[in-house]
Every structure is written in C-alpha cells, then in structure tokens.
PDB file of all heavy atoms in Angstrom:
ATOM      1  N   PHE A   1      35.371  -9.077 -54.767  1.00  0.00           N
ATOM      2  CA  PHE A   1      33.942  -9.363 -54.670  1.00  0.00           C
ATOM      3  C   PHE A   1      33.713 -10.873 -54.598  1.00  0.00           C
ATOM      4  O   PHE A   1      33.416 -11.525 -55.603  1.00  0.00           O
ATOM      5  CB  PHE A   1      33.248  -8.749 -55.894  1.00  0.00           C
ATOM      6  CG  PHE A   1      31.751  -8.884 -55.891  1.00  0.00           C
ATOM      7  CD1 PHE A   1      31.015  -8.579 -54.764  1.00  0.00           C
ATOM      8  CD2 PHE A   1      31.068  -9.293 -57.032  1.00  0.00           C
ATOM      9  CE1 PHE A   1      29.632  -8.690 -54.764  1.00  0.00           C
ATOM     10  CE2 PHE A   1      29.688  -9.410 -57.046  1.00  0.00           C
ATOM     11  CZ  PHE A   1      28.971  -9.109 -55.904  1.00  0.00           C
ATOM     12  N   PHE A   2      33.857 -11.428 -53.388  1.00  0.00           N
ATOM     13  CA  PHE A   2      33.647 -12.849 -53.174  1.00  0.00           C
ATOM     14  C   PHE A   2      32.723 -13.051 -51.974  1.00  0.00           C
ATOM     15  O   PHE A   2      32.729 -12.252 -51.026  1.00  0.00           O
ATOM     16  CB  PHE A   2      34.961 -13.587 -52.934  1.00  0.00           C
ATOM     17  CG  PHE A   2      35.838 -13.692 -54.148  1.00  0.00           C
ATOM     18  CD1 PHE A   2      37.052 -13.025 -54.201  1.00  0.00           C
ATOM     19  CD2 PHE A   2      35.461 -14.455 -55.242  1.00  0.00           C
ATOM     20  CE1 PHE A   2      37.864 -13.116 -55.326  1.00  0.00           C
ATOM     21  CE2 PHE A   2      36.265 -14.552 -56.370  1.00  0.00           C
ATOM     22  CZ  PHE A   2      37.470 -13.885 -56.403  1.00  0.00           C
ATOM     23  N   GLY A   3      31.957 -14.154 -52.019  1.00  0.00           N
ATOM     24  CA  GLY A   3      31.041 -14.450 -50.932  1.00  0.00           C
ATOM     25  C   GLY A   3      31.738 -14.629 -49.605  1.00  0.00           C
ATOM     26  O   GLY A   3      31.207 -14.255 -48.558  1.00  0.00           O
ATOM     27  N   GLY A   4      32.940 -15.209 -49.620  1.00  0.00           N
ATOM     28  CA  GLY A   4      33.667 -15.414 -48.374  1.00  0.00           C
ATOM     29  C   GLY A   4      34.026 -14.114 -47.682  1.00  0.00           C
ATOM     30  O   GLY A   4      34.062 -14.044 -46.443  1.00  0.00           O
ATOM     31  N   VAL A   5      34.295 -13.067 -48.454  1.00  0.00           N
ATOM     32  CA  VAL A   5      34.573 -11.758 -47.865  1.00  0.00           C
ATOM     33  C   VAL A   5      33.300 -11.199 -47.231  1.00  0.00           C
ATOM     34  O   VAL A   5      33.321 -10.653 -46.119  1.00  0.00           O
ATOM     35  CB  VAL A   5      35.128 -10.782 -48.929  1.00  0.00           C
ATOM     36  CG1 VAL A   5      35.370  -9.408 -48.330  1.00  0.00           C
ATOM     37  CG2 VAL A   5      36.424 -11.334 -49.526  1.00  0.00           C
ATOM     38  N   LYS A   6      32.180 -11.345 -47.926  1.00  0.00           N
ATOM     39  CA  LYS A   6      30.900 -10.880 -47.379  1.00  0.00           C
ATOM     40  C   LYS A   6      30.585 -11.579 -46.060  1.00  0.00           C
ATOM     41  O   LYS A   6      30.160 -10.927 -45.091  1.00  0.00           O
ATOM     42  CB  LYS A   6      29.789 -11.134 -48.396  1.00  0.00           C
ATOM     43  CG  LYS A   6      28.405 -10.734 -47.912  1.00  0.00           C
ATOM     44  CD  LYS A   6      27.350 -11.060 -48.960  1.00  0.00           C
ATOM     45  CE  LYS A   6      25.945 -10.748 -48.451  1.00  0.00           C
ATOM     46  NZ  LYS A   6      24.907 -11.097 -49.449  1.00  0.00           N
ATOM     47  N   VAL A   7      30.811 -12.886 -45.997  1.00  0.00           N
ATOM     48  CA  VAL A   7      30.534 -13.640 -44.775  1.00  0.00           C
ATOM     49  C   VAL A   7      31.389 -13.127 -43.624  1.00  0.00           C
ATOM     50  O   VAL A   7      30.911 -12.946 -42.496  1.00  0.00           O
ATOM     51  CB  VAL A   7      30.781 -15.147 -45.016  1.00  0.00           C
ATOM     52  CG1 VAL A   7      30.861 -15.910 -43.705  1.00  0.00           C
ATOM     53  CG2 VAL A   7      29.680 -15.718 -45.903  1.00  0.00           C
ATOM     54  N   MET A   8      32.664 -12.870 -43.882  1.00  0.00           N
ATOM     55  CA  MET A   8      33.559 -12.368 -42.847  1.00  0.00           C
ATOM     56  C   MET A   8      33.085 -11.015 -42.315  1.00  0.00           C
ATOM     57  O   MET A   8      33.072 -10.770 -41.107  1.00  0.00           O
ATOM     58  CB  MET A   8      34.974 -12.238 -43.405  1.00  0.00           C
ATOM     59  CG  MET A   8      35.992 -11.731 -42.409  1.00  0.00           C
ATOM     60  SD  MET A   8      37.285 -10.774 -43.220  1.00  0.00           S
ATOM     61  CE  MET A   8      36.350  -9.379 -43.837  1.00  0.00           C
ATOM     62  N   ILE A   9      32.659 -10.120 -43.211  1.00  0.00           N
ATOM     63  CA  ILE A   9      32.188  -8.805 -42.790  1.00  0.00           C
ATOM     64  C   ILE A   9      30.907  -8.948 -41.974  1.00  0.00           C
ATOM     65  O   ILE A   9      30.704  -8.242 -40.967  1.00  0.00           O
ATOM     66  CB  ILE A   9      31.965  -7.890 -44.006  1.00  0.00           C
ATOM     67  CG1 ILE A   9      33.279  -7.657 -44.757  1.00  0.00           C
ATOM     68  CG2 ILE A   9      31.390  -6.547 -43.559  1.00  0.00           C
ATOM     69  CD1 ILE A   9      33.118  -6.923 -46.080  1.00  0.00           C
ATOM     70  N   MET A  10      30.028  -9.865 -42.369  1.00  0.00           N
ATOM     71  CA  MET A  10      28.794 -10.090 -41.613  1.00  0.00           C
ATOM     72  C   MET A  10      29.098 -10.587 -40.200  1.00  0.00           C
ATOM     73  O   MET A  10      28.454 -10.162 -39.230  1.00  0.00           O
ATOM     74  CB  MET A  10      27.907 -11.083 -42.354  1.00  0.00           C
ATOM     75  CG  MET A  10      27.323 -10.533 -43.654  1.00  0.00           C
ATOM     76  SD  MET A  10      26.464 -11.806 -44.629  1.00  0.00           S
ATOM     77  CE  MET A  10      25.105 -12.199 -43.533  1.00  0.00           C
ATOM     78  N   GLN A  11      30.077 -11.471 -40.067  1.00  0.00           N
ATOM     79  CA  GLN A  11      30.497 -11.902 -38.736  1.00  0.00           C
ATOM     80  C   GLN A  11      30.969 -10.708 -37.910  1.00  0.00           C
ATOM     81  O   GLN A  11      30.599 -10.540 -36.737  1.00  0.00           O
ATOM     82  CB  GLN A  11      31.641 -12.917 -38.838  1.00  0.00           C
ATOM     83  CG  GLN A  11      31.261 -14.293 -39.298  1.00  0.00           C
ATOM     84  CD  GLN A  11      32.449 -15.248 -39.239  1.00  0.00           C
ATOM     85  OE1 GLN A  11      33.510 -14.915 -38.703  1.00  0.00           O
ATOM     86  NE2 GLN A  11      32.280 -16.431 -39.787  1.00  0.00           N
ATOM     87  N   ALA A  12      31.802  -9.881 -38.531  1.00  0.00           N
ATOM     88  CA  ALA A  12      32.354  -8.730 -37.829  1.00  0.00           C
ATOM     89  C   ALA A  12      31.252  -7.779 -37.367  1.00  0.00           C
ATOM     90  O   ALA A  12      31.261  -7.288 -36.229  1.00  0.00           O
ATOM     91  CB  ALA A  12      33.354  -7.998 -38.728  1.00  0.00           C
ATOM     92  N   GLU A  13      30.281  -7.522 -38.226  1.00  0.00           N
ATOM     93  CA  GLU A  13      29.191  -6.623 -37.855  1.00  0.00           C
ATOM     94  C   GLU A  13      28.373  -7.188 -36.698  1.00  0.00           C
ATOM     95  O   GLU A  13      27.955  -6.452 -35.799  1.00  0.00           O
ATOM     96  CB  GLU A  13      28.292  -6.373 -39.064  1.00  0.00           C
ATOM     97  CG  GLU A  13      28.921  -5.480 -40.123  1.00  0.00           C
ATOM     98  CD  GLU A  13      27.977  -5.207 -41.278  1.00  0.00           C
ATOM     99  OE1 GLU A  13      27.010  -5.979 -41.450  1.00  0.00           O
ATOM    100  OE2 GLU A  13      28.212  -4.226 -41.997  1.00  0.00           O
ATOM    101  N   ALA A  14      28.131  -8.495 -36.728  1.00  0.00           N
ATOM    102  CA  ALA A  14      27.362  -9.116 -35.649  1.00  0.00           C
ATOM    103  C   ALA A  14      28.109  -9.039 -34.327  1.00  0.00           C
ATOM    104  O   ALA A  14      27.498  -8.863 -33.268  1.00  0.00           O
ATOM    105  CB  ALA A  14      27.043 -10.571 -36.000  1.00  0.00           C
ATOM    106  N   LEU A  15      29.414  -9.169 -34.357  1.00  0.00           N
ATOM    107  CA  LEU A  15      30.210  -9.043 -33.130  1.00  0.00           C
ATOM    108  C   LEU A  15      30.183  -7.615 -32.601  1.00  0.00           C
ATOM    109  O   LEU A  15      30.151  -7.391 -31.394  1.00  0.00           O
ATOM    110  CB  LEU A  15      31.646  -9.490 -33.398  1.00  0.00           C
ATOM    111  CG  LEU A  15      31.830 -10.997 -33.580  1.00  0.00           C
ATOM    112  CD1 LEU A  15      33.195 -11.304 -34.188  1.00  0.00           C
ATOM    113  CD2 LEU A  15      31.680 -11.721 -32.231  1.00  0.00           C
ATOM    114  N   VAL A  16      30.165  -6.633 -33.495  1.00  0.00           N
ATOM    115  CA  VAL A  16      30.033  -5.235 -33.060  1.00  0.00           C
ATOM    116  C   VAL A  16      28.684  -5.031 -32.370  1.00  0.00           C
ATOM    117  O   VAL A  16      28.597  -4.357 -31.330  1.00  0.00           O
ATOM    118  CB  VAL A  16      30.191  -4.273 -34.257  1.00  0.00           C
ATOM    119  CG1 VAL A  16      29.763  -2.858 -33.873  1.00  0.00           C
ATOM    120  CG2 VAL A  16      31.634  -4.263 -34.738  1.00  0.00           C
ATOM    121  N   ARG A  17      27.637  -5.627 -32.925  1.00  0.00           N
ATOM    122  CA  ARG A  17      26.311  -5.502 -32.294  1.00  0.00           C
ATOM    123  C   ARG A  17      26.302  -6.081 -30.893  1.00  0.00           C
ATOM    124  O   ARG A  17      25.492  -5.685 -30.054  1.00  0.00           O
ATOM    125  CB  ARG A  17      25.248  -6.195 -33.159  1.00  0.00           C
ATOM    126  CG  ARG A  17      24.953  -5.497 -34.474  1.00  0.00           C
ATOM    127  CD  ARG A  17      23.659  -5.979 -35.089  1.00  0.00           C
ATOM    128  NE  ARG A  17      23.709  -7.373 -35.498  1.00  0.00           N
ATOM    129  CZ  ARG A  17      24.099  -7.789 -36.700  1.00  0.00           C
ATOM    130  NH1 ARG A  17      24.511  -6.923 -37.609  1.00  0.00           N
ATOM    131  NH2 ARG A  17      24.086  -9.082 -37.005  1.00  0.00           N
ATOM    132  N   ARG A  18      27.202  -7.019 -30.622  1.00  0.00           N
ATOM    133  CA  ARG A  18      27.298  -7.618 -29.291  1.00  0.00           C
ATOM    134  C   ARG A  18      28.262  -6.848 -28.393  1.00  0.00           C
ATOM    135  O   ARG A  18      28.606  -7.312 -27.304  1.00  0.00           O
ATOM    136  CB  ARG A  18      27.707  -9.088 -29.404  1.00  0.00           C
ATOM    137  CG  ARG A  18      26.644  -9.944 -30.091  1.00  0.00           C
ATOM    138  CD  ARG A  18      27.037 -11.410 -30.145  1.00  0.00           C
ATOM    139  NE  ARG A  18      27.075 -12.018 -28.824  1.00  0.00           N
ATOM    140  CZ  ARG A  18      26.015 -12.452 -28.164  1.00  0.00           C
ATOM    141  NH1 ARG A  18      24.803 -12.314 -28.679  1.00  0.00           N
ATOM    142  NH2 ARG A  18      26.139 -12.996 -26.964  1.00  0.00           N
ATOM    143  N   GLY A  19      28.711  -5.691 -28.842  1.00  0.00           N
ATOM    144  CA  GLY A  19      29.481  -4.812 -27.967  1.00  0.00           C
ATOM    145  C   GLY A  19      30.975  -4.852 -28.152  1.00  0.00           C
ATOM    146  O   GLY A  19      31.703  -4.183 -27.416  1.00  0.00           O
ATOM    147  N   HIS A  20      31.480  -5.614 -29.130  1.00  0.00           N
ATOM    148  CA  HIS A  20      32.920  -5.726 -29.327  1.00  0.00           C
ATOM    149  C   HIS A  20      33.421  -4.678 -30.317  1.00  0.00           C
ATOM    150  O   HIS A  20      32.651  -4.152 -31.132  1.00  0.00           O
ATOM    151  CB  HIS A  20      33.274  -7.131 -29.819  1.00  0.00           C
ATOM    152  CG  HIS A  20      32.792  -8.209 -28.895  1.00  0.00           C
ATOM    153  ND1 HIS A  20      33.353  -8.444 -27.662  1.00  0.00           N
ATOM    154  CD2 HIS A  20      31.778  -9.109 -29.022  1.00  0.00           C
ATOM    155  CE1 HIS A  20      32.723  -9.446 -27.057  1.00  0.00           C
ATOM    156  NE2 HIS A  20      31.757  -9.858 -27.876  1.00  0.00           N
ATOM    157  N   ARG A  21      34.703  -4.394 -30.246  1.00  0.00           N
ATOM    158  CA  ARG A  21      35.339  -3.493 -31.209  1.00  0.00           C
ATOM    159  C   ARG A  21      36.042  -4.366 -32.245  1.00  0.00           C
ATOM    160  O   ARG A  21      36.978  -5.092 -31.917  1.00  0.00           O
ATOM    161  CB  ARG A  21      36.342  -2.580 -30.513  1.00  0.00           C
ATOM    162  CG  ARG A  21      37.132  -1.708 -31.473  1.00  0.00           C
ATOM    163  CD  ARG A  21      37.965  -0.702 -30.718  1.00  0.00           C
ATOM    164  NE  ARG A  21      38.858   0.028 -31.610  1.00  0.00           N
ATOM    165  CZ  ARG A  21      39.347   1.222 -31.344  1.00  0.00           C
ATOM    166  NH1 ARG A  21      39.042   1.832 -30.209  1.00  0.00           N
ATOM    167  NH2 ARG A  21      40.152   1.826 -32.194  1.00  0.00           N
ATOM    168  N   VAL A  22      35.566  -4.311 -33.480  1.00  0.00           N
ATOM    169  CA  VAL A  22      36.088  -5.186 -34.526  1.00  0.00           C
ATOM    170  C   VAL A  22      36.685  -4.342 -35.643  1.00  0.00           C
ATOM    171  O   VAL A  22      36.050  -3.400 -36.127  1.00  0.00           O
ATOM    172  CB  VAL A  22      34.990  -6.104 -35.092  1.00  0.00           C
ATOM    173  CG1 VAL A  22      35.586  -7.095 -36.092  1.00  0.00           C
ATOM    174  CG2 VAL A  22      34.275  -6.848 -33.968  1.00  0.00           C
ATOM    175  N   THR A  23      37.893  -4.712 -36.050  1.00  0.00           N
ATOM    176  CA  THR A  23      38.578  -4.029 -37.142  1.00  0.00           C
ATOM    177  C   THR A  23      38.993  -5.045 -38.188  1.00  0.00           C
ATOM    178  O   THR A  23      39.551  -6.093 -37.851  1.00  0.00           O
ATOM    179  CB  THR A  23      39.832  -3.284 -36.646  1.00  0.00           C
ATOM    180  OG1 THR A  23      39.467  -2.400 -35.589  1.00  0.00           O
ATOM    181  CG2 THR A  23      40.477  -2.489 -37.779  1.00  0.00           C
ATOM    182  N   ILE A  24      38.699  -4.752 -39.423  1.00  0.00           N
ATOM    183  CA  ILE A  24      39.194  -5.552 -40.538  1.00  0.00           C
ATOM    184  C   ILE A  24      40.484  -4.899 -41.020  1.00  0.00           C
ATOM    185  O   ILE A  24      40.491  -3.714 -41.348  1.00  0.00           O
ATOM    186  CB  ILE A  24      38.168  -5.633 -41.668  1.00  0.00           C
ATOM    187  CG1 ILE A  24      36.922  -6.377 -41.168  1.00  0.00           C
ATOM    188  CG2 ILE A  24      38.748  -6.326 -42.901  1.00  0.00           C
ATOM    189  CD1 ILE A  24      35.757  -6.331 -42.125  1.00  0.00           C
ATOM    190  N   VAL A  25      41.552  -5.667 -41.035  1.00  0.00           N
ATOM    191  CA  VAL A  25      42.863  -5.153 -41.405  1.00  0.00           C
ATOM    192  C   VAL A  25      43.276  -5.768 -42.731  1.00  0.00           C
ATOM    193  O   VAL A  25      43.245  -6.999 -42.888  1.00  0.00           O
ATOM    194  CB  VAL A  25      43.919  -5.480 -40.333  1.00  0.00           C
ATOM    195  CG1 VAL A  25      45.288  -4.932 -40.735  1.00  0.00           C
ATOM    196  CG2 VAL A  25      43.502  -4.924 -38.975  1.00  0.00           C
ATOM    197  N   SER A  26      43.645  -4.944 -43.680  1.00  0.00           N
ATOM    198  CA  SER A  26      44.072  -5.436 -44.989  1.00  0.00           C
ATOM    199  C   SER A  26      45.089  -4.495 -45.604  1.00  0.00           C
ATOM    200  O   SER A  26      44.982  -3.278 -45.441  1.00  0.00           O
ATOM    201  CB  SER A  26      42.869  -5.551 -45.930  1.00  0.00           C
ATOM    202  OG  SER A  26      43.285  -5.978 -47.221  1.00  0.00           O
ATOM    203  N   PRO A  27      46.086  -5.044 -46.310  1.00  0.00           N
ATOM    204  CA  PRO A  27      46.999  -4.182 -47.056  1.00  0.00           C
ATOM    205  C   PRO A  27      46.344  -3.589 -48.300  1.00  0.00           C
ATOM    206  O   PRO A  27      46.914  -2.697 -48.926  1.00  0.00           O
ATOM    207  CB  PRO A  27      48.147  -5.130 -47.426  1.00  0.00           C
ATOM    208  CG  PRO A  27      47.526  -6.486 -47.443  1.00  0.00           C
ATOM    209  CD  PRO A  27      46.469  -6.468 -46.391  1.00  0.00           C
ATOM    210  N   GLN A  28      45.159  -4.080 -48.663  1.00  0.00           N
ATOM    211  CA  GLN A  28      44.444  -3.614 -49.843  1.00  0.00           C
ATOM    212  C   GLN A  28      43.316  -2.665 -49.438  1.00  0.00           C
ATOM    213  O   GLN A  28      42.891  -2.642 -48.288  1.00  0.00           O
ATOM    214  CB  GLN A  28      43.882  -4.805 -50.618  1.00  0.00           C
ATOM    215  CG  GLN A  28      44.931  -5.792 -51.082  1.00  0.00           C
ATOM    216  CD  GLN A  28      45.937  -5.154 -52.021  1.00  0.00           C
ATOM    217  OE1 GLN A  28      45.565  -4.376 -52.906  1.00  0.00           O
ATOM    218  NE2 GLN A  28      47.212  -5.483 -51.844  1.00  0.00           N
ATOM    219  N   PRO A  29      42.791  -1.870 -50.374  1.00  0.00           N
ATOM    220  CA  PRO A  29      41.739  -0.914 -50.035  1.00  0.00           C
ATOM    221  C   PRO A  29      40.461  -1.586 -49.533  1.00  0.00           C
ATOM    222  O   PRO A  29      40.194  -2.757 -49.787  1.00  0.00           O
ATOM    223  CB  PRO A  29      41.488  -0.181 -51.364  1.00  0.00           C
ATOM    224  CG  PRO A  29      42.731  -0.372 -52.159  1.00  0.00           C
ATOM    225  CD  PRO A  29      43.251  -1.720 -51.777  1.00  0.00           C
ATOM    226  N   ARG A  30      39.663  -0.800 -48.842  1.00  0.00           N
ATOM    227  CA  ARG A  30      38.364  -1.235 -48.343  1.00  0.00           C
ATOM    228  C   ARG A  30      37.483  -1.715 -49.515  1.00  0.00           C
ATOM    229  O   ARG A  30      37.461  -1.088 -50.573  1.00  0.00           O
ATOM    230  CB  ARG A  30      37.686  -0.044 -47.662  1.00  0.00           C
ATOM    231  CG  ARG A  30      36.241  -0.256 -47.263  1.00  0.00           C
ATOM    232  CD  ARG A  30      35.576   1.089 -46.993  1.00  0.00           C
ATOM    233  NE  ARG A  30      36.225   1.801 -45.917  1.00  0.00           N
ATOM    234  CZ  ARG A  30      35.747   1.885 -44.678  1.00  0.00           C
ATOM    235  NH1 ARG A  30      34.607   1.298 -44.375  1.00  0.00           N
ATOM    236  NH2 ARG A  30      36.385   2.564 -43.759  1.00  0.00           N
ATOM    237  N   PRO A  31      36.755  -2.820 -49.343  1.00  0.00           N
ATOM    238  CA  PRO A  31      35.833  -3.253 -50.401  1.00  0.00           C
ATOM    239  C   PRO A  31      34.840  -2.145 -50.735  1.00  0.00           C
ATOM    240  O   PRO A  31      34.196  -1.596 -49.835  1.00  0.00           O
ATOM    241  CB  PRO A  31      35.133  -4.463 -49.774  1.00  0.00           C
ATOM    242  CG  PRO A  31      36.077  -4.961 -48.724  1.00  0.00           C
ATOM    243  CD  PRO A  31      36.769  -3.742 -48.199  1.00  0.00           C
ATOM    244  N   ASP A  32      34.710  -1.833 -52.013  1.00  0.00           N
ATOM    245  CA  ASP A  32      33.809  -0.762 -52.412  1.00  0.00           C
ATOM    246  C   ASP A  32      32.422  -1.260 -52.783  1.00  0.00           C
ATOM    247  O   ASP A  32      31.558  -0.475 -53.165  1.00  0.00           O
ATOM    248  CB  ASP A  32      34.412   0.034 -53.579  1.00  0.00           C
ATOM    249  CG  ASP A  32      34.652  -0.827 -54.817  1.00  0.00           C
ATOM    250  OD1 ASP A  32      34.306  -2.023 -54.794  1.00  0.00           O
ATOM    251  OD2 ASP A  32      35.204  -0.297 -55.803  1.00  0.00           O
ATOM    252  N   TRP A  33      32.200  -2.561 -52.659  1.00  0.00           N
ATOM    253  CA  TRP A  33      30.926  -3.149 -53.042  1.00  0.00           C
ATOM    254  C   TRP A  33      30.050  -3.474 -51.835  1.00  0.00           C
ATOM    255  O   TRP A  33      28.942  -3.991 -51.981  1.00  0.00           O
ATOM    256  CB  TRP A  33      31.149  -4.425 -53.852  1.00  0.00           C
ATOM    257  CG  TRP A  33      32.119  -5.390 -53.227  1.00  0.00           C
ATOM    258  CD1 TRP A  33      33.459  -5.471 -53.450  1.00  0.00           C
ATOM    259  CD2 TRP A  33      31.826  -6.402 -52.254  1.00  0.00           C
ATOM    260  NE1 TRP A  33      34.021  -6.474 -52.684  1.00  0.00           N
ATOM    261  CE2 TRP A  33      33.040  -7.060 -51.944  1.00  0.00           C
ATOM    262  CE3 TRP A  33      30.658  -6.813 -51.617  1.00  0.00           C
ATOM    263  CZ2 TRP A  33      33.111  -8.092 -51.017  1.00  0.00           C
ATOM    264  CZ3 TRP A  33      30.725  -7.846 -50.702  1.00  0.00           C
ATOM    265  CH2 TRP A  33      31.956  -8.474 -50.425  1.00  0.00           C
ATOM    266  N   TYR A  34      30.538  -3.174 -50.633  1.00  0.00           N
ATOM    267  CA  TYR A  34      29.805  -3.522 -49.415  1.00  0.00           C
ATOM    268  C   TYR A  34      29.665  -2.279 -48.547  1.00  0.00           C
ATOM    269  O   TYR A  34      30.636  -1.550 -48.330  1.00  0.00           O
ATOM    270  CB  TYR A  34      30.534  -4.622 -48.642  1.00  0.00           C
ATOM    271  CG  TYR A  34      29.702  -5.260 -47.549  1.00  0.00           C
ATOM    272  CD1 TYR A  34      28.961  -6.404 -47.800  1.00  0.00           C
ATOM    273  CD2 TYR A  34      29.659  -4.714 -46.274  1.00  0.00           C
ATOM    274  CE1 TYR A  34      28.185  -6.995 -46.812  1.00  0.00           C
ATOM    275  CE2 TYR A  34      28.886  -5.290 -45.270  1.00  0.00           C
ATOM    276  CZ  TYR A  34      28.155  -6.430 -45.548  1.00  0.00           C
ATOM    277  OH  TYR A  34      27.378  -7.009 -44.573  1.00  0.00           O
ATOM    278  N   GLU A  35      28.463  -2.037 -48.031  1.00  0.00           N
ATOM    279  CA  GLU A  35      28.206  -0.889 -47.169  1.00  0.00           C
ATOM    280  C   GLU A  35      28.520  -1.281 -45.727  1.00  0.00           C
ATOM    281  O   GLU A  35      27.772  -2.015 -45.091  1.00  0.00           O
ATOM    282  CB  GLU A  35      26.736  -0.458 -47.290  1.00  0.00           C
ATOM    283  CG  GLU A  35      26.419   0.838 -46.563  1.00  0.00           C
ATOM    284  CD  GLU A  35      27.091   2.042 -47.181  1.00  0.00           C
ATOM    285  OE1 GLU A  35      27.248   2.057 -48.416  1.00  0.00           O
ATOM    286  OE2 GLU A  35      27.467   2.960 -46.419  1.00  0.00           O
ATOM    287  N   PHE A  36      29.643  -0.798 -45.214  1.00  0.00           N
ATOM    288  CA  PHE A  36      30.056  -1.134 -43.858  1.00  0.00           C
ATOM    289  C   PHE A  36      29.129  -0.465 -42.842  1.00  0.00           C
ATOM    290  O   PHE A  36      28.652   0.656 -43.046  1.00  0.00           O
ATOM    291  CB  PHE A  36      31.494  -0.674 -43.602  1.00  0.00           C
ATOM    292  CG  PHE A  36      32.530  -1.621 -44.116  1.00  0.00           C
ATOM    293  CD1 PHE A  36      32.765  -1.740 -45.476  1.00  0.00           C
ATOM    294  CD2 PHE A  36      33.267  -2.414 -43.255  1.00  0.00           C
ATOM    295  CE1 PHE A  36      33.709  -2.610 -45.964  1.00  0.00           C
ATOM    296  CE2 PHE A  36      34.221  -3.295 -43.733  1.00  0.00           C
ATOM    297  CZ  PHE A  36      34.441  -3.390 -45.092  1.00  0.00           C
ATOM    298  N   GLY A  37      28.920  -1.149 -41.721  1.00  0.00           N
ATOM    299  CA  GLY A  37      28.208  -0.560 -40.605  1.00  0.00           C
ATOM    300  C   GLY A  37      29.207   0.036 -39.622  1.00  0.00           C
ATOM    301  O   GLY A  37      29.979   0.935 -39.955  1.00  0.00           O
ATOM    302  N   ALA A  38      29.214  -0.521 -38.405  1.00  0.00           N
ATOM    303  CA  ALA A  38      30.097   0.004 -37.359  1.00  0.00           C
ATOM    304  C   ALA A  38      31.451  -0.699 -37.328  1.00  0.00           C
ATOM    305  O   ALA A  38      32.280  -0.413 -36.461  1.00  0.00           O
ATOM    306  CB  ALA A  38      29.412  -0.128 -36.004  1.00  0.00           C
ATOM    307  N   VAL A  39      31.689  -1.616 -38.237  1.00  0.00           N
ATOM    308  CA  VAL A  39      32.984  -2.297 -38.292  1.00  0.00           C
ATOM    309  C   VAL A  39      34.044  -1.319 -38.798  1.00  0.00           C
ATOM    310  O   VAL A  39      33.825  -0.589 -39.760  1.00  0.00           O
ATOM    311  CB  VAL A  39      32.912  -3.527 -39.216  1.00  0.00           C
ATOM    312  CG1 VAL A  39      34.276  -4.188 -39.348  1.00  0.00           C
ATOM    313  CG2 VAL A  39      31.881  -4.519 -38.701  1.00  0.00           C
ATOM    314  N   ARG A  40      35.180  -1.317 -38.144  1.00  0.00           N
ATOM    315  CA  ARG A  40      36.279  -0.451 -38.566  1.00  0.00           C
ATOM    316  C   ARG A  40      37.085  -1.139 -39.662  1.00  0.00           C
ATOM    317  O   ARG A  40      37.139  -2.368 -39.724  1.00  0.00           O
ATOM    318  CB  ARG A  40      37.199  -0.139 -37.376  1.00  0.00           C
ATOM    319  CG  ARG A  40      36.486   0.551 -36.217  1.00  0.00           C
ATOM    320  CD  ARG A  40      37.334   0.518 -34.949  1.00  0.00           C
ATOM    321  NE  ARG A  40      36.588   1.051 -33.828  1.00  0.00           N
ATOM    322  CZ  ARG A  40      36.690   2.299 -33.381  1.00  0.00           C
ATOM    323  NH1 ARG A  40      37.530   3.133 -33.982  1.00  0.00           N
ATOM    324  NH2 ARG A  40      35.993   2.707 -32.347  1.00  0.00           N
ATOM    325  N   PHE A  41      37.712  -0.342 -40.494  1.00  0.00           N
ATOM    326  CA  PHE A  41      38.588  -0.874 -41.539  1.00  0.00           C
ATOM    327  C   PHE A  41      39.904  -0.122 -41.487  1.00  0.00           C
ATOM    328  O   PHE A  41      39.930   1.112 -41.470  1.00  0.00           O
ATOM    329  CB  PHE A  41      37.958  -0.724 -42.922  1.00  0.00           C
ATOM    330  CG  PHE A  41      38.749  -1.404 -44.016  1.00  0.00           C
ATOM    331  CD1 PHE A  41      38.492  -2.715 -44.365  1.00  0.00           C
ATOM    332  CD2 PHE A  41      39.774  -0.734 -44.669  1.00  0.00           C
ATOM    333  CE1 PHE A  41      39.228  -3.349 -45.359  1.00  0.00           C
ATOM    334  CE2 PHE A  41      40.515  -1.349 -45.659  1.00  0.00           C
ATOM    335  CZ  PHE A  41      40.243  -2.673 -46.008  1.00  0.00           C
ATOM    336  N   GLU A  42      40.992  -0.879 -41.449  1.00  0.00           N
ATOM    337  CA  GLU A  42      42.327  -0.280 -41.435  1.00  0.00           C
ATOM    338  C   GLU A  42      43.120  -0.826 -42.620  1.00  0.00           C
ATOM    339  O   GLU A  42      43.380  -2.026 -42.690  1.00  0.00           O
ATOM    340  CB  GLU A  42      43.063  -0.604 -40.132  1.00  0.00           C
ATOM    341  CG  GLU A  42      44.454   0.014 -40.069  1.00  0.00           C
ATOM    342  CD  GLU A  42      45.262  -0.466 -38.873  1.00  0.00           C
ATOM    343  OE1 GLU A  42      44.903  -1.504 -38.279  1.00  0.00           O
ATOM    344  OE2 GLU A  42      46.263   0.194 -38.547  1.00  0.00           O
ATOM    345  N   GLN A  43      43.476   0.044 -43.536  1.00  0.00           N
ATOM    346  CA  GLN A  43      44.351  -0.368 -44.626  1.00  0.00           C
ATOM    347  C   GLN A  43      45.790  -0.153 -44.183  1.00  0.00           C
ATOM    348  O   GLN A  43      46.248   0.978 -44.022  1.00  0.00           O
ATOM    349  CB  GLN A  43      44.076   0.432 -45.900  1.00  0.00           C
ATOM    350  CG  GLN A  43      44.926  -0.047 -47.092  1.00  0.00           C
ATOM    351  CD  GLN A  43      44.644   0.726 -48.359  1.00  0.00           C
ATOM    352  OE1 GLN A  43      43.689   1.506 -48.443  1.00  0.00           O
ATOM    353  NE2 GLN A  43      45.473   0.518 -49.376  1.00  0.00           N
ATOM    354  N   ALA A  44      46.477  -1.266 -43.962  1.00  0.00           N
ATOM    355  CA  ALA A  44      47.847  -1.184 -43.465  1.00  0.00           C
ATOM    356  C   ALA A  44      48.534  -2.519 -43.685  1.00  0.00           C
ATOM    357  O   ALA A  44      47.883  -3.569 -43.754  1.00  0.00           O
ATOM    358  CB  ALA A  44      47.859  -0.847 -41.965  1.00  0.00           C
ATOM    359  N   ALA A  45      49.858  -2.462 -43.802  1.00  0.00           N
ATOM    360  CA  ALA A  45      50.629  -3.705 -43.770  1.00  0.00           C
ATOM    361  C   ALA A  45      50.409  -4.345 -42.400  1.00  0.00           C
ATOM    362  O   ALA A  45      50.323  -3.648 -41.388  1.00  0.00           O
ATOM    363  CB  ALA A  45      52.106  -3.413 -44.006  1.00  0.00           C
TER     364      ALA A  45
END
C-alpha cells in the first residue's frame, strides 16, 4: 500500500482508455487495496 503503486496503476488504466493492452506483472499477489479497471494483472515470475 504505497502511493507509487497507485500512480503506476493509474498510468496503466489511462493507457487502457487510450486503446492499449496493459498488464501489470508481479511475482507477488494483486494489490487488494485497489479496485482494478480494465488493466490486466499477471502474478508470475
């Protein structure tokens, strides 16, 4: 739960609104404190 993570997700969502396919990739679980829109999340190495 950090502001920098929120900013990154907001960037990703805005890029999706512009027609791009955006995926957040992390070895850790999806943030449970943020309601994702159309941004994809992949938990993977």
